[in-house]
Amino acid sequence: MDLYDVMRTTGAVRQFTGDPLPDEVLVRILDNARFAPSGGNRQGVHVIAVRDRATREALGALSVTGARRYIAQQRNGEGPWNPLRPMQISAEQLAATEVPAELSAPLLTSAVVLVVCVDLAVVAAFDQDLDRVGLIAGASAYPFVWNVLLAARNEGFGGVLTTMAVAEEPGVKALLGIPDDHAVAAVLPLGRPQRQVTKLTRRPVSQFATRERFDGESL
């Protein structure tokens, strides 16, 4: 496929056909994704390929905490898990929020679930002393994650980058034997899409790119 076609048609896939994703294809996906950049080319990513049903169910259960708050805040008109605006709903409201089963369905219906970790001993977190939520360490993990999704699309598969399980990261680490010095960056269900999108909707460049300054004229 043409690179731009892959970029424009790699959407979030949450519904899968049930077709297998053979190990040789998965290895090919990861073999190409590994050329993503990372800080200092230290390549601190580790991937856990989960096929076991019980482990996937446990990952789904660990995702409920993040999903419950996300849904409750969204229903209340809030930005879910927003670092600048504290949650306005009560603990009682939060506890009463039901999490639909379909939210964790991709973890169970995909061909494989990839848990992507990053070694914190090799990242350069230049923003660690700033008074805001940290972002920079993700530069050593998320280019790889996106490369996995692009490579999967090129192979006729698809997936979705999920992070809700990270709200219960200690539980995820215990479940999968992840060392203390590693962080969970993403949980990626991968499989054959039931429907392949051919057109994604995004803002035009003029709405998010400016010249010289944040408040400069549109590009």
C-alpha atoms as a PDB file:
ATOM      1  CA  MET A   1       0.000   0.000   0.000  1.00  0.00           C
ATOM      2  CA  ASP A   2       0.998   3.593  -0.545  1.00  0.00           C
ATOM      3  CA  LEU A   3       2.291   5.145   2.694  1.00  0.00           C
ATOM      4  CA  TYR A   4      -0.196   8.021   2.626  1.00  0.00           C
ATOM      5  CA  ASP A   5      -3.064   5.594   2.042  1.00  0.00           C
ATOM      6  CA  VAL A   6      -1.989   3.616   5.093  1.00  0.00           C
ATOM      7  CA  MET A   7      -1.782   6.795   7.187  1.00  0.00           C
ATOM      8  CA  ARG A   8      -5.219   7.996   6.065  1.00  0.00           C
ATOM      9  CA  THR A   9      -6.990   4.660   6.615  1.00  0.00           C
ATOM     10  CA  THR A  10      -5.492   3.448   9.896  1.00  0.00           C
ATOM     11  CA  GLY A  11      -8.446   4.039  12.175  1.00  0.00           C
ATOM     12  CA  ALA A  12      -9.306   2.584  15.572  1.00  0.00           C
ATOM     13  CA  VAL A  13     -10.498  -1.006  15.053  1.00  0.00           C
ATOM     14  CA  ARG A  14     -12.583  -2.481  17.859  1.00  0.00           C
ATOM     15  CA  GLN A  15     -14.584  -5.151  16.024  1.00  0.00           C
ATOM     16  CA  PHE A  16     -12.792  -8.192  14.659  1.00  0.00           C
ATOM     17  CA  THR A  17     -13.707 -11.106  12.427  1.00  0.00           C
ATOM     18  CA  GLY A  18     -12.189 -13.823  14.578  1.00  0.00           C
ATOM     19  CA  ASP A  19      -9.553 -14.673  11.957  1.00  0.00           C
ATOM     20  CA  PRO A  20      -6.191 -15.611  13.471  1.00  0.00           C
ATOM     21  CA  LEU A  21      -3.157 -13.362  13.333  1.00  0.00           C
ATOM     22  CA  PRO A  22      -0.328 -15.896  12.862  1.00  0.00           C
ATOM     23  CA  ASP A  23       2.922 -15.472  14.753  1.00  0.00           C
ATOM     24  CA  GLU A  24       4.863 -15.040  11.509  1.00  0.00           C
ATOM     25  CA  VAL A  25       2.683 -12.043  10.587  1.00  0.00           C
ATOM     26  CA  LEU A  26       2.939 -10.600  14.081  1.00  0.00           C
ATOM     27  CA  VAL A  27       6.721 -10.923  13.971  1.00  0.00           C
ATOM     28  CA  ARG A  28       6.735  -9.159  10.592  1.00  0.00           C
ATOM     29  CA  ILE A  29       4.627  -6.340  12.031  1.00  0.00           C
ATOM     30  CA  LEU A  30       6.975  -5.922  14.994  1.00  0.00           C
ATOM     31  CA  ASP A  31      10.054  -6.340  12.792  1.00  0.00           C
ATOM     32  CA  ASN A  32       9.026  -3.264  10.823  1.00  0.00           C
ATOM     33  CA  ALA A  33       7.628  -1.313  13.775  1.00  0.00           C
ATOM     34  CA  ARG A  34      10.973  -1.544  15.607  1.00  0.00           C
ATOM     35  CA  PHE A  35      12.430   1.092  13.292  1.00  0.00           C
ATOM     36  CA  ALA A  36      10.425   3.771  15.096  1.00  0.00           C
ATOM     37  CA  PRO A  37      12.591   6.448  16.711  1.00  0.00           C
ATOM     38  CA  SER A  38      13.284   6.466  20.437  1.00  0.00           C
ATOM     39  CA  GLY A  39      15.236   8.802  22.703  1.00  0.00           C
ATOM     40  CA  GLY A  40      18.950   8.322  22.078  1.00  0.00           C
ATOM     41  CA  ASN A  41      18.038   5.230  20.026  1.00  0.00           C
ATOM     42  CA  ARG A  42      17.940   3.384  23.365  1.00  0.00           C
ATOM     43  CA  GLN A  43      14.994   1.236  22.221  1.00  0.00           C
ATOM     44  CA  GLY A  44      13.491   0.700  25.658  1.00  0.00           C
ATOM     45  CA  VAL A  45      10.258  -0.886  24.445  1.00  0.00           C
ATOM     46  CA  HIS A  46       9.198  -4.388  25.482  1.00  0.00           C
ATOM     47  CA  VAL A  47       6.150  -6.090  23.959  1.00  0.00           C
ATOM     48  CA  ILE A  48       4.100  -8.829  25.626  1.00  0.00           C
ATOM     49  CA  ALA A  49       1.899 -10.733  23.160  1.00  0.00           C
ATOM     50  CA  VAL A  50      -1.098 -12.076  25.083  1.00  0.00           C
ATOM     51  CA  ARG A  51      -3.280 -14.779  23.555  1.00  0.00           C
ATOM     52  CA  ASP A  52      -4.415 -16.597  26.722  1.00  0.00           C
ATOM     53  CA  ARG A  53      -8.143 -16.055  27.343  1.00  0.00           C
ATOM     54  CA  ALA A  54      -7.910 -15.867  31.144  1.00  0.00           C
ATOM     55  CA  THR A  55      -5.156 -13.262  30.998  1.00  0.00           C
ATOM     56  CA  ARG A  56      -7.197 -11.175  28.584  1.00  0.00           C
ATOM     57  CA  GLU A  57     -10.202 -11.374  30.873  1.00  0.00           C
ATOM     58  CA  ALA A  58      -8.023 -10.170  33.740  1.00  0.00           C
ATOM     59  CA  LEU A  59      -6.814  -7.257  31.612  1.00  0.00           C
ATOM     60  CA  GLY A  60     -10.444  -6.423  30.897  1.00  0.00           C
ATOM     61  CA  ALA A  61     -11.253  -6.434  34.604  1.00  0.00           C
ATOM     62  CA  LEU A  62      -8.288  -4.150  35.286  1.00  0.00           C
ATOM     63  CA  SER A  63      -9.608  -1.733  32.653  1.00  0.00           C
ATOM     64  CA  VAL A  64     -12.886  -1.177  34.504  1.00  0.00           C
ATOM     65  CA  THR A  65     -11.486   1.460  36.886  1.00  0.00           C
ATOM     66  CA  GLY A  66     -10.314   3.691  34.054  1.00  0.00           C
ATOM     67  CA  ALA A  67     -13.412   3.061  31.979  1.00  0.00           C
ATOM     68  CA  ARG A  68     -15.835   3.780  34.835  1.00  0.00           C
ATOM     69  CA  ARG A  69     -14.387   7.213  35.514  1.00  0.00           C
ATOM     70  CA  TYR A  70     -14.164   7.946  31.788  1.00  0.00           C
ATOM     71  CA  ILE A  71     -17.837   7.139  31.240  1.00  0.00           C
ATOM     72  CA  ALA A  72     -19.046   8.922  34.381  1.00  0.00           C
ATOM     73  CA  GLN A  73     -17.198  12.128  33.570  1.00  0.00           C
ATOM     74  CA  GLN A  74     -18.233  12.040  29.930  1.00  0.00           C
ATOM     75  CA  ARG A  75     -21.897  11.698  30.911  1.00  0.00           C
ATOM     76  CA  ASN A  76     -21.458  14.641  33.260  1.00  0.00           C
ATOM     77  CA  GLY A  77     -20.125  16.825  30.438  1.00  0.00           C
ATOM     78  CA  GLU A  78     -16.554  16.734  31.716  1.00  0.00           C
ATOM     79  CA  GLY A  79     -13.302  15.985  29.927  1.00  0.00           C
ATOM     80  CA  PRO A  80     -12.562  12.426  31.144  1.00  0.00           C
ATOM     81  CA  TRP A  81      -9.370  12.079  33.167  1.00  0.00           C
ATOM     82  CA  ASN A  82      -8.418  15.656  32.323  1.00  0.00           C
ATOM     83  CA  PRO A  83      -5.276  16.757  34.230  1.00  0.00           C
ATOM     84  CA  LEU A  84      -6.331  20.436  34.358  1.00  0.00           C
ATOM     85  CA  ARG A  85      -9.957  20.092  35.468  1.00  0.00           C
ATOM     86  CA  PRO A  86     -10.646  18.043  38.607  1.00  0.00           C
ATOM     87  CA  MET A  87     -13.428  15.477  38.526  1.00  0.00           C
ATOM     88  CA  GLN A  88     -16.769  16.998  39.556  1.00  0.00           C
ATOM     89  CA  ILE A  89     -18.785  13.847  40.153  1.00  0.00           C
ATOM     90  CA  SER A  90     -19.074  12.291  43.605  1.00  0.00           C
ATOM     91  CA  ALA A  91     -17.600   8.995  44.705  1.00  0.00           C
ATOM     92  CA  GLU A  92     -21.144   7.642  44.930  1.00  0.00           C
ATOM     93  CA  GLN A  93     -21.911   8.680  41.352  1.00  0.00           C
ATOM     94  CA  LEU A  94     -18.681   7.109  40.197  1.00  0.00           C
ATOM     95  CA  ALA A  95     -19.365   3.834  41.983  1.00  0.00           C
ATOM     96  CA  ALA A  96     -22.870   3.677  40.513  1.00  0.00           C
ATOM     97  CA  THR A  97     -21.634   4.019  36.930  1.00  0.00           C
ATOM     98  CA  GLU A  98     -21.948   0.808  34.977  1.00  0.00           C
ATOM     99  CA  VAL A  99     -19.281  -0.107  32.447  1.00  0.00           C
ATOM    100  CA  PRO A 100     -20.738  -1.726  29.296  1.00  0.00           C
ATOM    101  CA  ALA A 101     -19.267  -5.129  28.495  1.00  0.00           C
ATOM    102  CA  GLU A 102     -18.519  -4.035  24.922  1.00  0.00           C
ATOM    103  CA  LEU A 103     -15.890  -1.615  26.233  1.00  0.00           C
ATOM    104  CA  SER A 104     -13.534  -4.490  27.037  1.00  0.00           C
ATOM    105  CA  ALA A 105     -14.783  -6.685  24.184  1.00  0.00           C
ATOM    106  CA  PRO A 106     -11.794  -5.910  21.900  1.00  0.00           C
ATOM    107  CA  LEU A 107      -9.496  -7.484  24.487  1.00  0.00           C
ATOM    108  CA  LEU A 108     -11.423 -10.743  24.145  1.00  0.00           C
ATOM    109  CA  THR A 109     -12.394 -10.795  20.464  1.00  0.00           C
ATOM    110  CA  SER A 110      -9.093  -9.722  18.905  1.00  0.00           C
ATOM    111  CA  ALA A 111      -6.578 -12.253  17.654  1.00  0.00           C
ATOM    112  CA  VAL A 112      -3.885 -11.072  20.062  1.00  0.00           C
ATOM    113  CA  VAL A 113      -3.408  -8.336  22.640  1.00  0.00           C
ATOM    114  CA  LEU A 114      -0.076  -6.532  22.760  1.00  0.00           C
ATOM    115  CA  VAL A 115       0.941  -4.908  26.028  1.00  0.00           C
ATOM    116  CA  VAL A 116       3.632  -2.351  25.269  1.00  0.00           C
ATOM    117  CA  CYS A 117       5.983  -1.417  28.099  1.00  0.00           C
ATOM    118  CA  VAL A 118       8.843   1.057  28.247  1.00  0.00           C
ATOM    119  CA  ASP A 119      11.994   0.829  30.363  1.00  0.00           C
ATOM    120  CA  LEU A 120      12.025   3.997  32.484  1.00  0.00           C
ATOM    121  CA  ALA A 121      15.755   3.577  33.061  1.00  0.00           C
ATOM    122  CA  VAL A 122      16.482   4.586  29.469  1.00  0.00           C
ATOM    123  CA  VAL A 123      14.022   7.439  28.836  1.00  0.00           C
ATOM    124  CA  ALA A 124      14.958  11.112  28.973  1.00  0.00           C
ATOM    125  CA  ALA A 125      11.994  12.794  30.704  1.00  0.00           C
ATOM    126  CA  PHE A 126      12.930  16.421  30.107  1.00  0.00           C
ATOM    127  CA  ASP A 127       9.620  17.570  31.589  1.00  0.00           C
ATOM    128  CA  GLN A 128       9.938  15.714  34.904  1.00  0.00           C
ATOM    129  CA  ASP A 129      10.479  18.919  36.904  1.00  0.00           C
ATOM    130  CA  LEU A 130       7.672  20.919  35.287  1.00  0.00           C
ATOM    131  CA  ASP A 131       4.443  21.557  37.168  1.00  0.00           C
ATOM    132  CA  ARG A 132       2.267  19.521  34.812  1.00  0.00           C
ATOM    133  CA  VAL A 133       1.556  15.960  33.831  1.00  0.00           C
ATOM    134  CA  GLY A 134       4.553  14.303  32.171  1.00  0.00           C
ATOM    135  CA  LEU A 135       4.489  13.698  28.403  1.00  0.00           C
ATOM    136  CA  ILE A 136       8.013  13.524  27.072  1.00  0.00           C
ATOM    137  CA  ALA A 137       8.866   9.975  28.138  1.00  0.00           C
ATOM    138  CA  GLY A 138       6.108   8.800  25.806  1.00  0.00           C
ATOM    139  CA  ALA A 139       8.274   9.842  22.870  1.00  0.00           C
ATOM    140  CA  SER A 140      10.280   6.662  23.470  1.00  0.00           C
ATOM    141  CA  ALA A 141       7.187   4.444  23.224  1.00  0.00           C
ATOM    142  CA  TYR A 142       4.354   5.901  21.156  1.00  0.00           C
ATOM    143  CA  PRO A 143       6.141   6.201  17.795  1.00  0.00           C
ATOM    144  CA  PHE A 144       6.668   2.434  18.075  1.00  0.00           C
ATOM    145  CA  VAL A 145       3.023   1.873  19.045  1.00  0.00           C
ATOM    146  CA  TRP A 146       1.837   3.834  16.025  1.00  0.00           C
ATOM    147  CA  ASN A 147       4.242   1.948  13.771  1.00  0.00           C
ATOM    148  CA  VAL A 148       2.658  -1.293  14.996  1.00  0.00           C
ATOM    149  CA  LEU A 149      -0.790  -0.035  13.968  1.00  0.00           C
ATOM    150  CA  LEU A 150       0.483   1.177  10.592  1.00  0.00           C
ATOM    151  CA  ALA A 151       2.226  -2.130   9.937  1.00  0.00           C
ATOM    152  CA  ALA A 152      -0.877  -4.050  10.992  1.00  0.00           C
ATOM    153  CA  ARG A 153      -2.950  -2.010   8.530  1.00  0.00           C
ATOM    154  CA  ASN A 154      -0.467  -2.794   5.781  1.00  0.00           C
ATOM    155  CA  GLU A 155      -0.898  -6.508   6.547  1.00  0.00           C
ATOM    156  CA  GLY A 156      -4.700  -6.295   6.394  1.00  0.00           C
ATOM    157  CA  PHE A 157      -5.148  -6.230  10.168  1.00  0.00           C
ATOM    158  CA  GLY A 158      -6.023  -3.460  12.581  1.00  0.00           C
ATOM    159  CA  GLY A 159      -6.260  -2.510  16.209  1.00  0.00           C
ATOM    160  CA  VAL A 160      -6.760   0.233  18.709  1.00  0.00           C
ATOM    161  CA  LEU A 161      -4.442   1.967  21.178  1.00  0.00           C
ATOM    162  CA  THR A 162      -6.028   1.635  24.627  1.00  0.00           C
ATOM    163  CA  THR A 163      -4.717   2.947  27.934  1.00  0.00           C
ATOM    164  CA  MET A 164      -7.592   2.418  30.396  1.00  0.00           C
ATOM    165  CA  ALA A 165      -5.844  -0.515  32.075  1.00  0.00           C
ATOM    166  CA  VAL A 166      -2.960   1.794  33.040  1.00  0.00           C
ATOM    167  CA  ALA A 167      -5.155   3.285  35.795  1.00  0.00           C
ATOM    168  CA  GLU A 168      -4.529  -0.077  37.502  1.00  0.00           C
ATOM    169  CA  GLU A 169      -0.893  -0.390  36.428  1.00  0.00           C
ATOM    170  CA  PRO A 170       0.269  -2.213  39.595  1.00  0.00           C
ATOM    171  CA  GLY A 171      -2.308  -4.912  38.869  1.00  0.00           C
ATOM    172  CA  VAL A 172      -1.225  -5.148  35.235  1.00  0.00           C
ATOM    173  CA  LYS A 173       2.398  -5.461  36.295  1.00  0.00           C
ATOM    174  CA  ALA A 174       1.574  -8.222  38.763  1.00  0.00           C
ATOM    175  CA  LEU A 175      -0.519 -10.048  36.160  1.00  0.00           C
ATOM    176  CA  LEU A 176       2.181 -10.012  33.493  1.00  0.00           C
ATOM    177  CA  GLY A 177       5.376 -10.030  35.556  1.00  0.00           C
ATOM    178  CA  ILE A 178       6.419  -6.536  34.446  1.00  0.00           C
ATOM    179  CA  PRO A 179       9.425  -5.167  36.389  1.00  0.00           C
ATOM    180  CA  ASP A 180       9.042  -2.140  38.655  1.00  0.00           C
ATOM    181  CA  ASP A 181      11.316  -0.008  36.482  1.00  0.00           C
ATOM    182  CA  HIS A 182       9.023  -0.396  33.452  1.00  0.00           C
ATOM    183  CA  ALA A 183       5.834   1.523  32.691  1.00  0.00           C
ATOM    184  CA  VAL A 184       2.829   0.265  30.754  1.00  0.00           C
ATOM    185  CA  ALA A 185       2.433   2.547  27.737  1.00  0.00           C
ATOM    186  CA  ALA A 186      -0.405   0.906  25.811  1.00  0.00           C
ATOM    187  CA  VAL A 187      -2.612  -2.137  25.419  1.00  0.00           C
ATOM    188  CA  LEU A 188      -3.209  -2.985  21.741  1.00  0.00           C
ATOM    189  CA  PRO A 189      -5.845  -5.510  20.642  1.00  0.00           C
ATOM    190  CA  LEU A 190      -5.010  -6.604  17.073  1.00  0.00           C
ATOM    191  CA  GLY A 191      -7.022  -8.634  14.581  1.00  0.00           C
ATOM    192  CA  ARG A 192      -8.776  -8.681  11.221  1.00  0.00           C
ATOM    193  CA  PRO A 193     -11.268  -5.772  11.062  1.00  0.00           C
ATOM    194  CA  GLN A 194     -14.923  -6.572  10.475  1.00  0.00           C
ATOM    195  CA  ARG A 195     -15.046  -3.349   8.468  1.00  0.00           C
ATOM    196  CA  GLN A 196     -12.113  -1.456   7.024  1.00  0.00           C
ATOM    197  CA  VAL A 197     -12.534   2.293   7.075  1.00  0.00           C
ATOM    198  CA  THR A 198     -11.538   4.084   3.892  1.00  0.00           C
ATOM    199  CA  LYS A 199     -11.902   7.671   5.055  1.00  0.00           C
ATOM    200  CA  LEU A 200     -11.107   9.203   8.433  1.00  0.00           C
ATOM    201  CA  THR A 201     -12.441  12.548   9.640  1.00  0.00           C
ATOM    202  CA  ARG A 202      -9.853  14.973  10.966  1.00  0.00           C
ATOM    203  CA  ARG A 203      -9.533  18.746  11.338  1.00  0.00           C
ATOM    204  CA  PRO A 204      -7.939  20.529   8.373  1.00  0.00           C
ATOM    205  CA  VAL A 205      -4.342  21.706   8.728  1.00  0.00           C
ATOM    206  CA  SER A 206      -5.460  25.348   8.901  1.00  0.00           C
ATOM    207  CA  GLN A 207      -7.220  24.636  12.197  1.00  0.00           C
ATOM    208  CA  PHE A 208      -4.220  23.318  14.117  1.00  0.00           C
ATOM    209  CA  ALA A 209      -1.054  24.707  12.464  1.00  0.00           C
ATOM    210  CA  THR A 210       0.108  28.325  12.730  1.00  0.00           C
ATOM    211  CA  ARG A 211       3.092  30.368  11.586  1.00  0.00           C
ATOM    212  CA  GLU A 212       5.849  31.398  13.996  1.00  0.00           C
ATOM    213  CA  ARG A 213       3.691  31.527  17.191  1.00  0.00           C
ATOM    214  CA  PHE A 214       0.761  29.709  18.808  1.00  0.00           C
ATOM    215  CA  ASP A 215      -1.410  32.720  17.991  1.00  0.00           C
ATOM    216  CA  GLY A 216       0.132  33.215  14.540  1.00  0.00           C
ATOM    217  CA  GLU A 217      -1.756  33.074  11.270  1.00  0.00           C
ATOM    218  CA  SER A 218      -2.951  29.712  10.009  1.00  0.00           C
ATOM    219  CA  LEU A 219      -0.585  27.662   7.888  1.00  0.00           C
END
